[in-house]
Protein backbone atom coordinates (compact mmCIF):
# COMPACT_ATOMS: atom_id res chain seq x y z
CA MET A 1 22.44 16.00 0.95
CA SER A 2 22.38 12.26 0.38
CA ASP A 3 19.65 9.66 0.59
CA VAL A 4 21.50 6.66 1.99
CA LEU A 5 20.31 3.04 1.98
CA VAL A 6 22.14 0.39 3.99
CA ILE A 7 21.18 -3.14 2.93
CA LEU A 8 21.92 -5.79 5.56
CA ASP A 9 21.88 -8.84 3.32
CA GLY A 10 19.74 -11.65 4.71
CA ALA A 11 19.37 -9.89 8.07
CA SER A 12 15.75 -10.87 8.59
CA GLU A 13 14.55 -14.40 9.41
CA PRO A 14 11.37 -16.29 10.34
CA ILE A 15 9.95 -15.85 13.83
CA VAL A 16 9.86 -19.18 15.68
CA ASP A 17 7.72 -19.09 18.82
CA ASP A 18 9.42 -16.99 21.53
CA GLU A 19 12.94 -17.63 20.26
CA PRO A 20 14.67 -14.30 19.60
CA THR A 21 15.74 -13.60 16.04
CA SER A 22 19.25 -12.50 15.12
CA LEU A 23 18.13 -8.87 14.91
CA GLU A 24 16.69 -9.18 18.42
CA ARG A 25 19.83 -10.85 19.79
CA ALA A 26 22.35 -8.48 18.22
CA ASP A 27 23.79 -5.48 20.06
CA THR A 28 22.64 -2.68 17.76
CA PRO A 29 22.55 0.55 19.79
CA VAL A 30 22.77 2.79 16.72
CA LEU A 31 20.00 0.95 14.90
CA ASP A 32 17.87 1.04 18.06
CA ALA A 33 18.38 4.81 18.35
CA LEU A 34 17.45 5.31 14.71
CA ALA A 35 14.28 3.28 15.26
CA GLN A 36 13.37 5.41 18.29
CA ALA A 37 13.92 8.65 16.36
CA GLY A 38 12.79 7.56 12.91
CA THR A 39 10.05 5.60 11.16
CA VAL A 40 9.95 1.81 11.36
CA ARG A 41 8.27 0.02 8.47
CA ARG A 42 7.57 -3.43 7.06
CA LEU A 43 8.66 -3.85 3.45
CA GLN A 44 7.82 -6.45 0.81
CA THR A 45 11.08 -6.90 -1.07
CA THR A 46 10.17 -10.23 -2.71
CA PRO A 47 7.27 -9.90 -5.18
CA ASP A 48 4.77 -12.75 -5.33
CA GLY A 49 5.94 -15.61 -7.52
CA LEU A 50 9.65 -14.73 -7.41
CA PRO A 51 12.32 -16.53 -5.39
CA PRO A 52 13.72 -14.68 -2.37
CA GLY A 53 17.34 -13.67 -2.80
CA SER A 54 19.60 -10.70 -3.39
CA GLU A 55 18.98 -10.79 -7.13
CA THR A 56 15.32 -10.05 -6.36
CA GLY A 57 15.37 -8.03 -3.13
CA ILE A 58 18.21 -5.66 -4.00
CA ALA A 59 16.70 -5.08 -7.44
CA VAL A 60 13.43 -4.02 -5.81
CA LEU A 61 15.22 -1.79 -3.30
CA LEU A 62 17.12 -0.12 -6.14
CA GLY A 63 13.86 0.62 -7.95
CA TRP A 64 13.55 -2.19 -10.50
CA THR A 65 10.89 -4.83 -9.85
CA PRO A 66 11.63 -7.89 -12.00
CA ASP A 67 8.70 -9.75 -13.53
CA ALA A 68 10.58 -13.05 -13.73
CA PRO A 69 13.55 -14.67 -11.96
CA VAL A 70 16.79 -12.76 -12.49
CA ASP A 71 19.80 -14.41 -14.14
CA ARG A 72 22.15 -14.86 -11.19
CA ALA A 73 25.07 -15.84 -13.43
CA ALA A 74 24.82 -12.52 -15.27
CA LEU A 75 25.08 -10.70 -11.94
CA GLU A 76 28.06 -12.76 -10.82
CA ALA A 77 29.88 -12.10 -14.09
CA ALA A 78 29.19 -8.36 -13.88
CA GLY A 79 30.30 -8.38 -10.25
CA LEU A 80 33.65 -9.77 -11.35
CA GLY A 81 33.85 -7.26 -14.17
CA LEU A 82 33.74 -10.02 -16.79
CA GLN A 83 32.48 -9.50 -20.31
CA ILE A 84 30.84 -12.64 -21.70
CA GLU A 85 32.05 -13.02 -25.27
CA PRO A 86 29.61 -13.77 -28.11
CA GLY A 87 29.05 -17.50 -28.41
CA ARG A 88 29.58 -18.13 -24.70
CA GLU A 89 27.29 -18.06 -21.67
CA ALA A 90 27.67 -18.01 -17.90
CA TRP A 91 26.23 -20.33 -15.26
CA ARG A 92 26.21 -19.97 -11.48
CA VAL A 93 26.91 -23.37 -9.90
CA ASP A 94 26.58 -24.34 -6.23
CA ALA A 95 28.17 -27.48 -4.81
CA ALA A 96 29.05 -28.84 -1.39
CA ASP A 97 32.65 -29.31 -2.58
CA ILE A 98 33.55 -27.27 -5.64
CA GLU A 99 37.11 -28.62 -5.49
CA ALA A 100 35.70 -32.03 -6.40
CA LEU A 101 34.06 -30.72 -9.58
CA ARG A 102 35.94 -31.38 -12.81
CA PHE A 103 35.40 -29.39 -16.00
CA PRO A 104 36.92 -29.82 -19.49
CA PRO A 105 39.30 -27.16 -20.85
CA GLU A 106 36.59 -25.31 -22.77
CA VAL A 107 34.89 -24.36 -19.46
CA GLU A 108 36.26 -21.22 -17.80
CA VAL A 109 35.83 -21.45 -14.01
CA HIS A 110 35.77 -18.55 -11.54
CA PRO A 111 35.45 -19.52 -7.85
CA LEU A 112 32.96 -17.34 -5.95
CA GLY A 113 33.33 -18.83 -2.49
CA PRO A 114 33.67 -22.12 -0.63
CA HIS A 115 30.57 -23.65 -2.24
CA LYS A 116 29.88 -21.68 -5.41
CA LEU A 117 31.49 -20.85 -8.75
CA LEU A 118 30.83 -19.17 -12.06
CA ALA A 119 31.26 -21.38 -15.15
CA ILE A 120 31.58 -19.72 -18.57
CA VAL A 121 30.90 -22.22 -21.32
CA PRO A 122 30.27 -22.33 -25.07
CA ALA A 123 26.66 -21.45 -25.86
CA GLY A 124 24.48 -24.53 -25.68
CA TYR A 125 27.11 -26.47 -23.75
CA PRO A 126 25.46 -29.39 -21.88
CA LEU A 127 26.51 -28.33 -18.37
CA ARG A 128 25.64 -31.23 -16.09
CA SER A 129 25.37 -30.11 -12.48
CA ASP A 130 22.51 -30.38 -10.03
CA GLY A 131 23.73 -27.11 -8.52
CA ALA A 132 23.41 -24.99 -11.67
CA TRP A 133 21.06 -22.04 -11.21
CA PRO A 134 18.33 -21.67 -13.84
CA ARG A 135 18.63 -18.98 -16.48
CA GLY A 136 16.70 -15.76 -16.00
CA ILE A 137 16.24 -12.20 -17.19
CA THR A 138 19.03 -9.63 -17.32
CA PRO A 139 18.50 -6.34 -15.47
CA PRO A 140 17.80 -3.33 -17.70
CA HIS A 141 19.76 -0.07 -17.57
CA THR A 142 17.48 2.02 -15.31
CA LEU A 143 19.95 3.94 -13.11
CA ASP A 144 22.79 6.38 -13.69
CA ASP A 145 25.83 7.66 -11.83
CA THR A 146 23.70 9.69 -9.42
CA THR A 147 23.29 6.35 -7.60
CA VAL A 148 26.51 4.95 -6.14
CA VAL A 149 26.55 1.43 -4.71
CA VAL A 150 29.30 0.49 -2.24
CA GLY A 151 30.14 -3.10 -1.35
CA ALA A 152 32.45 -6.07 -1.57
CA PRO A 153 32.84 -7.94 -4.88
CA GLY A 154 29.83 -10.09 -5.73
CA ALA A 155 26.42 -10.37 -7.32
CA ALA A 156 24.99 -7.32 -5.52
CA LEU A 157 27.50 -5.02 -7.17
CA GLY A 158 27.05 -6.88 -10.45
CA LEU A 159 23.34 -6.12 -10.28
CA ALA A 160 24.05 -2.46 -9.56
CA ARG A 161 26.51 -2.28 -12.46
CA LEU A 162 24.01 -3.81 -14.91
CA LEU A 163 21.31 -1.38 -13.72
CA GLY A 164 23.68 1.49 -14.51
CA ALA A 165 24.74 2.66 -11.06
CA ARG A 166 28.25 3.81 -10.24
CA VAL A 167 29.93 1.00 -8.30
CA LEU A 168 32.63 1.23 -5.63
CA THR A 169 34.15 -2.15 -4.81
CA THR A 170 35.73 -2.08 -1.35
CA ASP A 171 35.72 -3.75 2.06
CA ALA A 172 35.95 -0.30 3.73
CA LEU A 173 32.22 0.26 3.41
CA ALA A 174 31.73 3.10 5.88
CA THR A 175 34.82 5.00 4.75
CA ALA A 176 33.73 4.94 1.10
CA ALA A 177 30.15 5.85 1.96
CA VAL A 178 31.15 8.78 4.18
CA VAL A 179 33.32 10.21 1.40
CA GLU A 180 30.34 10.07 -0.98
CA ILE A 181 28.01 11.64 1.60
CA ALA A 182 30.46 14.47 2.26
CA ALA A 183 30.71 15.06 -1.50
CA GLY A 184 26.93 15.35 -1.75
CA ALA A 185 26.21 12.20 -3.77
CA PRO A 186 22.42 12.18 -4.30
CA ARG A 187 21.94 8.49 -3.54
CA VAL A 188 24.34 6.16 -1.73
CA VAL A 189 23.60 2.45 -1.29
CA VAL A 190 25.79 0.32 0.99
CA HIS A 191 25.59 -3.47 0.75
CA VAL A 192 26.66 -5.48 3.82
CA ASP A 193 26.97 -9.16 2.86
CA THR A 194 28.18 -10.70 6.14
CA PRO A 195 24.82 -11.52 7.84
CA ASP A 196 23.70 -13.58 4.84
CA GLU A 197 27.04 -15.36 4.56
CA ALA A 198 26.89 -16.37 8.23
CA ALA A 199 23.31 -17.59 7.88
CA HIS A 200 24.24 -19.72 4.87
CA ARG A 201 26.93 -21.35 7.02
CA ARG A 202 24.09 -22.16 9.46
CA ASP A 203 25.93 -20.28 12.20
CA PRO A 204 23.37 -18.28 14.22
CA ASP A 205 25.99 -16.77 16.54
CA ALA A 206 28.07 -15.57 13.59
CA LYS A 207 25.01 -13.90 12.07
CA VAL A 208 24.35 -12.07 15.33
CA ALA A 209 28.00 -10.99 15.49
CA ALA A 210 27.86 -9.77 11.88
CA LEU A 211 24.82 -7.60 12.65
CA SER A 212 26.50 -6.19 15.75
CA ARG A 213 29.63 -5.31 13.77
CA ALA A 214 27.58 -3.72 11.00
CA ASP A 215 25.86 -1.50 13.58
CA ASP A 216 29.18 -0.36 15.03
CA GLU A 217 31.39 -0.23 11.94
CA VAL A 218 28.97 0.73 9.16
CA ILE A 219 25.67 2.20 10.38
CA GLY A 220 27.24 4.30 13.17
CA PRO A 221 29.73 6.22 11.00
CA ILE A 222 27.15 6.68 8.24
CA ALA A 223 24.55 8.03 10.70
CA ALA A 224 27.13 10.49 12.02
CA ALA A 225 27.89 11.64 8.47
CA ILE A 226 24.18 12.14 7.74
CA HIS A 227 23.87 14.21 10.92
CA THR A 228 26.77 16.39 9.79
CA HIS A 229 25.98 16.78 6.11
CA GLY A 230 22.21 16.26 6.02
CA GLY A 231 20.08 13.71 4.23
CA THR A 232 18.19 10.59 5.18
CA LEU A 233 19.26 7.11 6.23
CA THR A 234 17.29 3.93 5.61
CA VAL A 235 18.41 0.54 6.91
CA THR A 236 16.73 -2.70 5.87
CA ALA A 237 17.28 -6.25 4.62
CA ASP A 238 16.89 -7.45 1.06
CA HIS A 239 15.34 -10.74 2.21
CA GLY A 240 15.47 -13.12 5.13
CA THR A 241 17.94 -15.97 5.63
CA ASP A 242 17.27 -18.54 8.35
CA PRO A 243 20.54 -19.34 10.18
CA ARG A 244 19.09 -22.66 11.32
CA THR A 245 18.61 -23.95 7.78
CA GLY A 246 20.51 -21.55 5.52
CA ALA A 247 17.34 -21.06 3.47
CA HIS A 248 16.13 -17.74 2.09
CA ASP A 249 12.80 -16.36 3.31
CA ALA A 250 10.34 -14.28 1.25
CA ALA A 251 8.48 -12.70 4.18
CA PRO A 252 8.35 -8.91 4.50
CA VAL A 253 11.42 -7.41 6.17
CA PRO A 254 11.80 -4.70 8.82
CA ALA A 255 13.18 -1.29 7.88
CA VAL A 256 13.88 2.05 9.52
CA THR A 257 14.18 5.50 7.94
CA TRP A 258 15.74 8.40 9.83
CA ASP A 259 15.84 12.08 8.92
CA PRO A 260 17.79 14.14 11.48
CA GLU A 261 15.97 17.32 10.47
CA ALA A 262 12.54 15.77 10.96
CA SER A 263 13.46 14.45 14.43
CA ALA A 264 15.62 17.38 15.60
CA GLY A 265 13.09 18.64 18.11
CA GLU A 266 12.35 15.36 19.86
CA GLU A 267 13.01 14.98 23.56
CA LEU A 268 15.19 11.96 24.30
CA PRO A 269 16.68 10.46 27.48
CA ASP A 270 19.73 12.35 28.73
CA ASP A 271 21.61 9.68 30.60
CA GLU A 272 25.37 10.17 30.45
CA ASP A 273 25.91 6.44 31.08
CA LEU A 274 24.34 5.56 27.73
CA PRO A 275 26.40 5.55 24.53
CA VAL A 276 26.09 8.57 22.26
CA LEU A 277 24.73 7.48 18.91
CA ALA A 278 23.54 9.06 15.69
CA THR A 279 23.56 12.63 16.98
CA PRO A 280 25.03 14.19 20.14
CA LYS A 281 21.51 14.29 21.66
CA ARG A 282 20.46 10.79 20.62
CA ARG A 283 21.17 7.92 22.97
CA ALA A 284 20.08 4.30 23.37
CA THR A 285 20.96 1.19 25.32
CA ALA A 286 22.80 -1.58 23.48
CA GLY A 287 20.47 -4.52 23.00
CA ALA A 288 17.44 -2.56 24.19
CA THR A 289 14.21 -4.56 24.04
CA THR A 290 11.69 -1.78 24.72
CA GLY A 291 10.28 0.77 22.30
CA ARG A 292 10.50 0.72 18.53
CA ARG A 293 13.07 -1.64 17.05
CA MET A 294 13.92 -2.72 13.53
CA THR A 295 13.05 -6.36 14.17
CA GLU A 296 10.74 -8.90 12.61
CA ARG A 297 8.59 -9.19 15.74
CA TRP A 298 8.17 -5.45 16.20
CA VAL A 299 6.96 -4.86 12.63
CA ALA A 300 4.80 -8.00 12.43
CA THR A 301 1.56 -6.07 12.96
CA LEU A 302 2.45 -3.13 10.71
CA PRO A 303 0.97 -2.83 7.23
CA ILE A 304 3.10 -4.20 4.42
CA GLU A 305 4.56 -1.49 2.18
CA ALA A 306 6.46 -1.38 -1.07
CA PRO A 307 10.05 -0.13 -0.72
């Protein structure tokens, strides 16, 4: 049986008056059913004094709590499978237009996206860029191959690789996770990067759509596999990202944990017009707004817990 963790990157966000958050707006019938059948919690994934971000939140969720900011460039390099040679160092650089940046030949450049890159330079090189991330600590080797982390290429998988987990780089997240669950992998972690990417583009509708797709294409198949093979499923965010501003948020995040064995005897609505979700007996309405939900507003009065 597998303990499965699905990390919806940047899924949470600040509550602003009565305006619904992305998690409240999204059509997440599977997640809603899991919340009804499971345990909803409020997790502190960003320790006091550390910046909110995947390099912090995912580290905490994987079991390592950093005591200083994490070196994002080291994660990006590991995510690309790059070995930094002695006498050289890596820098993560953000810029509105990376195409406009010019570097001399001794700087090795690896694009990471529309507005970010990894620069590998000679040690001590005077890299002049307002968008260069500060240096930080490198994650220690605390995991082994009993933890498998599934995701697209990027810093999240770089972090997992540096911590010692087995890494599967793929865009077919659910397919890879289900194979591992069926094989009895003890711990499976699935990283979904699309909500955070949409929020950084300051596109609230795209963030909502990304959460809806994750519910249908990732959480649904994984919940079905857990029902078949046994185990537990936890879904949460690593941090918040406000789609209005693109800024990260350090507030506690909502989470749900579901164990089909623990909830097997519960009585649930038996309405044939409602979509069948995590188990044949478990149903919920898409976009439901009543009952337990994995949303910022629903967990706001719950005690804050460590992951």
